[in-house]
């Protein structure tokens, strides 16, 4: 499973908007890796931000 899939899975399992730091901690991934994957997810419009610095699946 790549980082993007892991991030989406963590977001769905938590059921609330999460910051990149929280996602990195819950997924057990490096923060830089999470930031890169989230940038791609934003471009693909698979995640949205309901409030500043927090993200959830679309």
N, C-alpha and C. Protein backbone atom coordinates (compact mmCIF):
# COMPACT_ATOMS: atom_id res chain seq x y z
N UNK A 1 0.86 -1.18 0.00
CA UNK A 1 0.00 0.00 0.00
C UNK A 1 0.90 1.24 0.00
N UNK A 2 0.63 2.18 -0.91
CA UNK A 2 1.45 3.38 -0.95
C UNK A 2 0.95 4.43 0.06
N UNK A 3 1.68 5.51 0.18
CA UNK A 3 1.38 6.54 1.19
C UNK A 3 0.00 7.15 0.98
N UNK A 4 -0.39 7.40 -0.28
CA UNK A 4 -1.70 8.01 -0.54
C UNK A 4 -2.84 7.12 -0.03
N UNK A 5 -2.75 5.83 -0.30
CA UNK A 5 -3.79 4.90 0.16
C UNK A 5 -3.83 4.84 1.68
N UNK A 6 -2.65 4.84 2.30
CA UNK A 6 -2.58 4.79 3.75
C UNK A 6 -3.21 6.03 4.37
N UNK A 7 -2.93 7.20 3.79
CA UNK A 7 -3.49 8.45 4.30
C UNK A 7 -5.01 8.45 4.21
N UNK A 8 -5.55 8.05 3.08
CA UNK A 8 -7.01 8.00 2.90
C UNK A 8 -7.62 7.03 3.91
N UNK A 9 -6.98 5.87 4.10
CA UNK A 9 -7.48 4.87 5.04
C UNK A 9 -7.51 5.43 6.47
N UNK A 10 -6.45 6.11 6.88
CA UNK A 10 -6.39 6.70 8.23
C UNK A 10 -7.47 7.77 8.39
N UNK A 11 -7.63 8.61 7.37
CA UNK A 11 -8.66 9.67 7.44
C UNK A 11 -10.06 9.08 7.60
N UNK A 12 -10.35 8.04 6.82
CA UNK A 12 -11.68 7.43 6.89
C UNK A 12 -11.90 6.73 8.22
N UNK A 13 -10.86 6.09 8.76
CA UNK A 13 -11.02 5.36 10.02
C UNK A 13 -11.21 6.31 11.20
N UNK A 14 -10.62 7.49 11.15
CA UNK A 14 -10.76 8.46 12.24
C UNK A 14 -12.12 9.16 12.20
N UNK A 15 -12.63 9.40 11.00
CA UNK A 15 -13.95 10.00 10.86
C UNK A 15 -14.03 11.47 11.24
N UNK A 16 -12.89 12.16 11.26
CA UNK A 16 -12.88 13.59 11.56
C UNK A 16 -11.70 14.22 10.82
N UNK A 17 -11.74 15.53 10.61
CA UNK A 17 -10.61 16.19 9.94
C UNK A 17 -9.33 16.05 10.77
N UNK A 18 -8.22 15.80 10.09
CA UNK A 18 -6.93 15.61 10.75
C UNK A 18 -5.87 16.53 10.16
N UNK A 19 -4.89 16.90 10.98
CA UNK A 19 -3.76 17.67 10.47
C UNK A 19 -2.74 16.70 9.89
N UNK A 20 -1.79 17.23 9.13
CA UNK A 20 -0.76 16.37 8.53
C UNK A 20 0.06 15.67 9.61
N UNK A 21 0.34 16.35 10.70
CA UNK A 21 1.08 15.76 11.80
C UNK A 21 0.36 14.59 12.43
N UNK A 22 -0.94 14.75 12.63
CA UNK A 22 -1.75 13.66 13.19
C UNK A 22 -1.78 12.47 12.24
N UNK A 23 -1.91 12.73 10.96
CA UNK A 23 -1.94 11.66 9.97
C UNK A 23 -0.61 10.91 9.97
N UNK A 24 0.50 11.64 10.01
CA UNK A 24 1.82 11.01 10.03
C UNK A 24 1.97 10.10 11.25
N UNK A 25 1.52 10.59 12.41
CA UNK A 25 1.62 9.82 13.64
C UNK A 25 0.75 8.56 13.59
N UNK A 26 -0.49 8.70 13.16
CA UNK A 26 -1.42 7.57 13.11
C UNK A 26 -1.02 6.54 12.06
N UNK A 27 -0.48 7.01 10.93
CA UNK A 27 -0.12 6.11 9.83
C UNK A 27 1.27 5.52 10.02
N UNK A 28 2.07 6.09 10.91
CA UNK A 28 3.43 5.61 11.10
C UNK A 28 4.34 5.97 9.94
N UNK A 29 4.03 7.08 9.28
CA UNK A 29 4.82 7.54 8.14
C UNK A 29 5.63 8.78 8.52
N UNK A 30 6.66 9.06 7.74
CA UNK A 30 7.44 10.27 7.92
C UNK A 30 6.62 11.49 7.50
N UNK A 31 6.75 12.59 8.22
CA UNK A 31 5.95 13.79 7.95
C UNK A 31 6.19 14.31 6.52
N UNK A 32 7.42 14.27 6.04
CA UNK A 32 7.71 14.75 4.68
C UNK A 32 7.01 13.89 3.64
N UNK A 33 6.98 12.58 3.89
CA UNK A 33 6.30 11.66 2.98
C UNK A 33 4.80 11.96 2.95
N UNK A 34 4.23 12.24 4.13
CA UNK A 34 2.81 12.59 4.22
C UNK A 34 2.53 13.88 3.46
N UNK A 35 3.38 14.89 3.64
CA UNK A 35 3.19 16.17 2.95
C UNK A 35 3.21 16.00 1.43
N UNK A 36 4.14 15.20 0.92
CA UNK A 36 4.22 14.96 -0.53
C UNK A 36 2.96 14.27 -1.04
N UNK A 37 2.54 13.22 -0.33
CA UNK A 37 1.36 12.46 -0.76
C UNK A 37 0.10 13.33 -0.67
N UNK A 38 0.00 14.16 0.37
CA UNK A 38 -1.17 15.01 0.51
C UNK A 38 -1.23 16.07 -0.59
N UNK A 39 -0.08 16.55 -1.03
CA UNK A 39 -0.05 17.51 -2.14
C UNK A 39 -0.66 16.88 -3.39
N UNK A 40 -0.30 15.63 -3.66
CA UNK A 40 -0.84 14.92 -4.82
C UNK A 40 -2.35 14.68 -4.64
N UNK A 41 -2.75 14.28 -3.43
CA UNK A 41 -4.18 14.05 -3.16
C UNK A 41 -4.99 15.33 -3.34
N UNK A 42 -4.42 16.47 -2.94
CA UNK A 42 -5.11 17.76 -3.13
C UNK A 42 -5.29 18.05 -4.62
N UNK A 43 -4.22 17.82 -5.40
CA UNK A 43 -4.30 18.05 -6.85
C UNK A 43 -5.31 17.13 -7.51
N UNK A 44 -5.43 15.91 -7.00
CA UNK A 44 -6.40 14.94 -7.54
C UNK A 44 -7.80 15.16 -6.97
N UNK A 45 -7.93 16.14 -6.08
CA UNK A 45 -9.20 16.49 -5.43
C UNK A 45 -9.81 15.32 -4.67
N UNK A 46 -8.96 14.52 -4.02
CA UNK A 46 -9.43 13.39 -3.22
C UNK A 46 -9.57 13.75 -1.74
N UNK A 47 -8.95 14.90 -1.35
CA UNK A 47 -9.10 15.38 0.03
C UNK A 47 -9.50 16.86 -0.01
N UNK A 48 -10.22 17.28 1.01
CA UNK A 48 -10.65 18.67 1.12
C UNK A 48 -10.33 19.17 2.53
N UNK A 49 -10.27 20.50 2.65
CA UNK A 49 -9.96 21.11 3.94
C UNK A 49 -11.18 21.84 4.48
N UNK A 50 -11.85 21.28 5.51
CA UNK A 50 -13.02 21.95 6.08
C UNK A 50 -12.62 23.15 6.95
N UNK A 51 -11.39 23.13 7.48
CA UNK A 51 -10.86 24.27 8.22
C UNK A 51 -9.35 24.30 8.05
N UNK A 52 -8.75 25.43 8.29
CA UNK A 52 -7.33 25.65 8.03
C UNK A 52 -6.46 24.54 8.66
N UNK A 53 -5.59 23.97 7.83
CA UNK A 53 -4.60 22.96 8.23
C UNK A 53 -5.19 21.61 8.63
N UNK A 54 -6.45 21.38 8.37
CA UNK A 54 -7.05 20.08 8.66
C UNK A 54 -7.65 19.54 7.38
N UNK A 55 -7.57 18.23 7.20
CA UNK A 55 -7.99 17.59 5.95
C UNK A 55 -8.87 16.39 6.21
N UNK A 56 -9.75 16.10 5.25
CA UNK A 56 -10.61 14.93 5.30
C UNK A 56 -10.83 14.44 3.88
N UNK A 57 -11.20 13.17 3.72
CA UNK A 57 -11.46 12.66 2.36
C UNK A 57 -12.70 13.33 1.76
N UNK A 58 -12.70 13.50 0.46
CA UNK A 58 -13.80 14.15 -0.24
C UNK A 58 -14.97 13.21 -0.34
